[in-house]
Amino acid sequence: MKTRTLKRATLPGLRNQLRDFAHARDWQQFHTPKNLAMALSVEAAELLECFQWLTPEHSARLSARDHHAVEQEIADILLYLIRLSDVLGIDPLQAAQHKMAVNARNYPVALSRGSARKHSKR
């Protein structure tokens, strides 16, 4: 039996796959920013459900079954986020880099190391 090797995904490649997937099914009409944001929120809630009632220790040592469930929810979140970014014309990597720069200004190491305190609450 021949095993199929998955090609390493890139963000633009995944974006294009999602675009083609939606187009082939005529789903653009449903992929409005509002609907995609709502779907993203639902998937994030499903990820939370995977951890509901677990102790912090148990959440760090998931069973193979629970790990797979978390993996599936992370995939759903990523796919909806990429699709939403595409529909709105936002480069998610560029947006994340910009946000990291903002976070670096808001959370300088000297004031933030070892603290979970929000910058506006200091």
Protein backbone atom coordinates (compact mmCIF):
# COMPACT_ATOMS: atom_id res chain seq x y z
CA MET A 1 0.00 0.00 0.00
CA LYS A 2 1.34 3.41 -0.95
CA THR A 3 1.33 6.05 1.79
CA ARG A 4 0.30 9.54 0.89
CA THR A 5 2.66 12.27 1.97
CA LEU A 6 1.05 15.55 2.97
CA LYS A 7 2.61 18.62 1.43
CA ARG A 8 3.78 21.14 4.02
CA ALA A 9 1.10 23.80 4.26
CA THR A 10 1.73 27.49 3.87
CA LEU A 11 -0.64 30.21 4.92
CA PRO A 12 -1.22 31.44 1.34
CA GLY A 13 -1.66 27.85 0.17
CA LEU A 14 -4.20 27.10 2.88
CA ARG A 15 -6.01 30.37 2.15
CA ASN A 16 -6.25 29.42 -1.53
CA GLN A 17 -7.45 25.90 -0.68
CA LEU A 18 -10.18 27.36 1.52
CA ARG A 19 -11.14 29.88 -1.15
CA ASP A 20 -11.40 27.09 -3.75
CA PHE A 21 -13.28 24.84 -1.31
CA ALA A 22 -15.87 27.55 -0.63
CA HIS A 23 -16.14 28.51 -4.31
CA ALA A 24 -16.72 24.91 -5.45
CA ARG A 25 -19.64 24.68 -3.01
CA ASP A 26 -20.98 28.19 -3.76
CA TRP A 27 -20.49 29.13 -0.11
CA GLN A 28 -19.20 32.67 -0.69
CA GLN A 29 -22.76 33.87 -0.14
CA PHE A 30 -22.61 32.50 3.41
CA HIS A 31 -19.02 33.51 4.16
CA THR A 32 -19.79 37.03 5.30
CA PRO A 33 -17.56 38.55 7.95
CA LYS A 34 -20.40 38.31 10.48
CA ASN A 35 -21.06 34.63 9.79
CA LEU A 36 -17.39 33.71 9.78
CA ALA A 37 -16.77 35.58 13.04
CA MET A 38 -19.74 33.80 14.62
CA ALA A 39 -18.51 30.41 13.37
CA LEU A 40 -15.04 31.19 14.73
CA SER A 41 -16.54 31.98 18.12
CA VAL A 42 -18.51 28.72 18.13
CA GLU A 43 -15.36 26.73 17.32
CA ALA A 44 -13.45 28.53 20.09
CA ALA A 45 -16.24 27.54 22.49
CA GLU A 46 -15.93 23.94 21.30
CA LEU A 47 -12.21 24.10 22.10
CA LEU A 48 -13.06 25.34 25.60
CA GLU A 49 -15.46 22.44 25.99
CA CYS A 50 -12.55 20.02 25.52
CA PHE A 51 -11.01 21.43 28.72
CA GLN A 52 -14.20 21.93 30.71
CA TRP A 53 -13.95 20.41 34.21
CA LEU A 54 -10.34 19.28 33.77
CA THR A 55 -7.80 20.15 36.40
CA PRO A 56 -4.86 22.27 35.22
CA GLU A 57 -2.68 19.16 35.51
CA HIS A 58 -5.05 16.99 33.48
CA SER A 59 -5.38 19.69 30.82
CA ALA A 60 -1.60 19.49 30.32
CA ARG A 61 -1.65 15.68 30.00
CA LEU A 62 -4.49 14.89 27.61
CA SER A 63 -5.36 11.36 26.59
CA ALA A 64 -4.81 10.51 22.92
CA ARG A 65 -8.55 10.83 22.31
CA ASP A 66 -8.79 14.24 24.01
CA HIS A 67 -5.63 15.43 22.25
CA HIS A 68 -7.18 14.50 18.90
CA ALA A 69 -10.38 16.39 19.79
CA VAL A 70 -8.34 19.49 20.69
CA GLU A 71 -6.39 19.15 17.44
CA GLN A 72 -9.64 19.08 15.44
CA GLU A 73 -10.98 22.20 17.17
CA ILE A 74 -7.69 24.07 16.66
CA ALA A 75 -7.90 23.18 12.97
CA ASP A 76 -11.48 24.48 12.75
CA ILE A 77 -10.47 27.74 14.46
CA LEU A 78 -7.49 28.22 12.17
CA LEU A 79 -9.53 27.52 9.04
CA TYR A 80 -12.28 29.98 9.99
CA LEU A 81 -9.70 32.60 10.98
CA ILE A 82 -7.88 32.24 7.66
CA ARG A 83 -11.16 32.40 5.73
CA LEU A 84 -12.30 35.50 7.67
CA SER A 85 -8.93 37.15 7.04
CA ASP A 86 -9.21 36.39 3.33
CA VAL A 87 -12.75 37.75 3.04
CA LEU A 88 -11.69 40.98 4.81
CA GLY A 89 -8.37 41.30 2.95
CA ILE A 90 -6.30 41.08 6.13
CA ASP A 91 -2.89 39.43 6.17
CA PRO A 92 -3.06 37.53 9.48
CA LEU A 93 0.72 37.18 9.79
CA GLN A 94 1.26 40.90 9.26
CA ALA A 95 -1.56 41.67 11.73
CA ALA A 96 0.00 39.31 14.30
CA GLN A 97 3.43 40.90 13.90
CA HIS A 98 1.91 44.35 14.37
CA LYS A 99 0.06 43.14 17.47
CA MET A 100 3.26 41.64 18.89
CA ALA A 101 4.93 45.05 18.54
CA VAL A 102 1.99 46.66 20.38
CA ASN A 103 2.20 43.99 23.10
CA ALA A 104 5.95 44.57 23.48
CA ARG A 105 5.24 48.26 24.16
CA ASN A 106 2.35 47.47 26.54
CA TYR A 107 4.20 44.73 28.39
CA PRO A 108 7.86 45.69 28.79
CA VAL A 109 9.90 42.90 30.35
CA ALA A 110 10.86 44.98 33.40
CA LEU A 111 7.20 45.56 34.34
CA SER A 112 5.67 42.32 33.10
CA ARG A 113 8.04 39.47 33.92
CA GLY A 114 6.21 36.90 36.06
CA SER A 115 3.02 38.98 36.20
CA ALA A 116 -0.32 38.23 34.56
CA ARG A 117 -1.58 41.73 35.32
CA LYS A 118 -3.14 43.60 32.39
CA HIS A 119 -1.10 46.63 31.32
CA SER A 120 -4.02 49.00 31.92
CA LYS A 121 -4.33 47.75 35.51
CA ARG A 122 -0.76 48.60 36.58
